[in-house]
Amino acid sequence: MSLLIIREFITYGLIGILNTLIHFICFLLLLEIIKYQTIANFFGFMAGLIFSFFMNAKYIFKQDVSVI
């Protein structure tokens, strides 16, 4: 395997780990605030999803992404 593929794989894995941490932290904070597990989990998941989308686009696929 080339070093580029290994580097991209490690980057992809780190983004996934950070995604999970963002989801978990948002979930815990929202659970304390609103006390509804389903809603807290939904918004925590969305925060992790948005983070992963932008980071993977920039660092893995080398694409500029706009909100529009």
N, C-alpha and C. Protein backbone atom coordinates (compact mmCIF):
# COMPACT_ATOMS: atom_id res chain seq x y z
N MET A 1 0.84 -1.18 0.00
CA MET A 1 0.00 0.00 0.00
C MET A 1 0.87 1.24 0.00
N SER A 2 0.39 2.24 -0.66
CA SER A 2 1.17 3.46 -0.70
C SER A 2 0.93 4.26 0.58
N LEU A 3 1.84 5.16 0.86
CA LEU A 3 1.73 5.99 2.06
C LEU A 3 0.51 6.89 2.01
N LEU A 4 0.11 7.32 0.81
CA LEU A 4 -1.07 8.18 0.68
C LEU A 4 -2.33 7.44 1.12
N ILE A 5 -2.46 6.20 0.74
CA ILE A 5 -3.64 5.41 1.12
C ILE A 5 -3.65 5.19 2.62
N ILE A 6 -2.52 4.89 3.21
CA ILE A 6 -2.43 4.69 4.65
C ILE A 6 -2.77 5.98 5.39
N ARG A 7 -2.24 7.10 4.89
CA ARG A 7 -2.51 8.39 5.53
C ARG A 7 -4.00 8.73 5.45
N GLU A 8 -4.62 8.50 4.30
CA GLU A 8 -6.05 8.77 4.17
C GLU A 8 -6.88 7.85 5.06
N PHE A 9 -6.47 6.61 5.18
CA PHE A 9 -7.18 5.67 6.05
C PHE A 9 -7.11 6.11 7.50
N ILE A 10 -5.94 6.53 7.95
CA ILE A 10 -5.77 7.01 9.33
C ILE A 10 -6.58 8.29 9.55
N THR A 11 -6.56 9.20 8.58
CA THR A 11 -7.35 10.43 8.68
C THR A 11 -8.83 10.11 8.75
N TYR A 12 -9.29 9.20 7.92
CA TYR A 12 -10.69 8.79 7.91
C TYR A 12 -11.08 8.20 9.28
N GLY A 13 -10.20 7.39 9.85
CA GLY A 13 -10.46 6.81 11.16
C GLY A 13 -10.50 7.85 12.26
N LEU A 14 -9.59 8.82 12.21
CA LEU A 14 -9.59 9.89 13.22
C LEU A 14 -10.85 10.75 13.13
N ILE A 15 -11.29 11.02 11.91
CA ILE A 15 -12.54 11.77 11.74
C ILE A 15 -13.71 10.98 12.32
N GLY A 16 -13.71 9.67 12.13
CA GLY A 16 -14.76 8.83 12.70
C GLY A 16 -14.74 8.83 14.21
N ILE A 17 -13.55 8.81 14.79
CA ILE A 17 -13.44 8.85 16.25
C ILE A 17 -13.93 10.19 16.78
N LEU A 18 -13.52 11.29 16.12
CA LEU A 18 -13.98 12.61 16.53
C LEU A 18 -15.50 12.75 16.35
N ASN A 19 -16.03 12.16 15.30
CA ASN A 19 -17.47 12.14 15.08
C ASN A 19 -18.18 11.51 16.27
N THR A 20 -17.68 10.38 16.71
CA THR A 20 -18.28 9.67 17.84
C THR A 20 -18.19 10.51 19.11
N LEU A 21 -17.05 11.14 19.35
CA LEU A 21 -16.90 11.99 20.53
C LEU A 21 -17.85 13.18 20.50
N ILE A 22 -17.98 13.82 19.35
CA ILE A 22 -18.91 14.95 19.22
C ILE A 22 -20.34 14.49 19.48
N HIS A 23 -20.71 13.37 18.89
CA HIS A 23 -22.05 12.83 19.10
C HIS A 23 -22.29 12.58 20.59
N PHE A 24 -21.35 11.92 21.23
CA PHE A 24 -21.52 11.54 22.64
C PHE A 24 -21.58 12.77 23.55
N ILE A 25 -20.70 13.74 23.32
CA ILE A 25 -20.68 14.94 24.16
C ILE A 25 -21.96 15.75 23.97
N CYS A 26 -22.38 15.94 22.72
CA CYS A 26 -23.63 16.66 22.46
C CYS A 26 -24.81 15.92 23.08
N PHE A 27 -24.82 14.61 22.95
CA PHE A 27 -25.89 13.80 23.53
C PHE A 27 -25.97 14.00 25.05
N LEU A 28 -24.83 13.90 25.73
CA LEU A 28 -24.83 14.06 27.18
C LEU A 28 -25.26 15.45 27.61
N LEU A 29 -24.75 16.47 26.92
CA LEU A 29 -25.13 17.84 27.27
C LEU A 29 -26.62 18.09 27.05
N LEU A 30 -27.12 17.66 25.92
CA LEU A 30 -28.54 17.86 25.63
C LEU A 30 -29.43 17.02 26.54
N LEU A 31 -28.98 15.85 26.91
CA LEU A 31 -29.75 15.01 27.82
C LEU A 31 -29.91 15.69 29.17
N GLU A 32 -28.86 16.37 29.64
CA GLU A 32 -28.94 17.11 30.89
C GLU A 32 -29.89 18.30 30.78
N ILE A 33 -29.93 18.92 29.61
CA ILE A 33 -30.74 20.13 29.43
C ILE A 33 -32.21 19.80 29.19
N ILE A 34 -32.48 18.89 28.24
CA ILE A 34 -33.87 18.68 27.84
C ILE A 34 -34.50 17.40 28.39
N LYS A 35 -33.70 16.48 28.90
CA LYS A 35 -34.17 15.25 29.56
C LYS A 35 -34.88 14.25 28.65
N TYR A 36 -34.85 14.45 27.33
CA TYR A 36 -35.46 13.51 26.39
C TYR A 36 -34.35 12.82 25.60
N GLN A 37 -34.21 11.52 25.83
CA GLN A 37 -33.12 10.77 25.22
C GLN A 37 -33.19 10.76 23.70
N THR A 38 -34.36 10.59 23.15
CA THR A 38 -34.50 10.50 21.69
C THR A 38 -34.09 11.80 21.01
N ILE A 39 -34.55 12.91 21.54
CA ILE A 39 -34.23 14.21 20.96
C ILE A 39 -32.75 14.52 21.13
N ALA A 40 -32.21 14.23 22.31
CA ALA A 40 -30.78 14.46 22.55
C ALA A 40 -29.93 13.61 21.62
N ASN A 41 -30.32 12.36 21.42
CA ASN A 41 -29.57 11.48 20.53
C ASN A 41 -29.65 11.97 19.08
N PHE A 42 -30.82 12.42 18.65
CA PHE A 42 -30.99 12.91 17.29
C PHE A 42 -30.06 14.10 17.02
N PHE A 43 -30.08 15.09 17.90
CA PHE A 43 -29.26 16.27 17.66
C PHE A 43 -27.77 15.98 17.85
N GLY A 44 -27.42 15.07 18.73
CA GLY A 44 -26.03 14.65 18.86
C GLY A 44 -25.56 13.95 17.60
N PHE A 45 -26.41 13.08 17.05
CA PHE A 45 -26.09 12.39 15.81
C PHE A 45 -25.92 13.39 14.67
N MET A 46 -26.82 14.36 14.57
CA MET A 46 -26.75 15.35 13.50
C MET A 46 -25.47 16.18 13.60
N ALA A 47 -25.05 16.52 14.81
CA ALA A 47 -23.82 17.28 14.99
C ALA A 47 -22.62 16.47 14.49
N GLY A 48 -22.57 15.19 14.86
CA GLY A 48 -21.50 14.32 14.39
C GLY A 48 -21.54 14.11 12.88
N LEU A 49 -22.73 13.97 12.33
CA LEU A 49 -22.89 13.78 10.90
C LEU A 49 -22.41 14.99 10.10
N ILE A 50 -22.79 16.17 10.54
CA ILE A 50 -22.37 17.39 9.85
C ILE A 50 -20.86 17.56 9.93
N PHE A 51 -20.29 17.30 11.11
CA PHE A 51 -18.85 17.38 11.27
C PHE A 51 -18.15 16.42 10.31
N SER A 52 -18.59 15.17 10.28
CA SER A 52 -17.97 14.16 9.41
C SER A 52 -18.09 14.54 7.94
N PHE A 53 -19.24 15.05 7.54
CA PHE A 53 -19.45 15.42 6.15
C PHE A 53 -18.42 16.46 5.71
N PHE A 54 -18.28 17.52 6.48
CA PHE A 54 -17.37 18.59 6.09
C PHE A 54 -15.90 18.17 6.19
N MET A 55 -15.55 17.44 7.24
CA MET A 55 -14.15 17.03 7.39
C MET A 55 -13.75 16.00 6.34
N ASN A 56 -14.62 15.03 6.05
CA ASN A 56 -14.30 14.05 5.01
C ASN A 56 -14.22 14.71 3.64
N ALA A 57 -15.11 15.64 3.37
CA ALA A 57 -15.06 16.34 2.08
C ALA A 57 -13.74 17.08 1.92
N LYS A 58 -13.30 17.73 3.00
CA LYS A 58 -12.08 18.53 2.91
C LYS A 58 -10.81 17.69 2.92
N TYR A 59 -10.71 16.73 3.83
CA TYR A 59 -9.45 16.02 4.03
C TYR A 59 -9.34 14.69 3.28
N ILE A 60 -10.44 14.04 2.99
CA ILE A 60 -10.38 12.76 2.29
C ILE A 60 -10.63 12.95 0.80
N PHE A 61 -11.68 13.69 0.46
CA PHE A 61 -12.05 13.84 -0.94
C PHE A 61 -11.51 15.12 -1.57
N LYS A 62 -10.87 15.96 -0.78
CA LYS A 62 -10.22 17.19 -1.27
C LYS A 62 -11.19 18.07 -2.08
N GLN A 63 -12.40 18.23 -1.55
CA GLN A 63 -13.43 19.03 -2.21
C GLN A 63 -13.82 20.19 -1.31
N ASP A 64 -14.10 21.35 -1.94
CA ASP A 64 -14.64 22.47 -1.19
C ASP A 64 -16.14 22.29 -1.08
N VAL A 65 -16.66 22.47 0.12
CA VAL A 65 -18.08 22.28 0.35
C VAL A 65 -18.65 23.58 0.88
N SER A 66 -19.78 23.98 0.33
CA SER A 66 -20.46 25.16 0.85
C SER A 66 -21.81 24.73 1.42
N VAL A 67 -22.36 25.56 2.24
CA VAL A 67 -23.65 25.26 2.85
C VAL A 67 -24.76 25.40 1.81
N ILE A 68 -24.51 26.19 0.80
CA ILE A 68 -25.51 26.39 -0.26
C ILE A 68 -25.38 25.25 -1.19
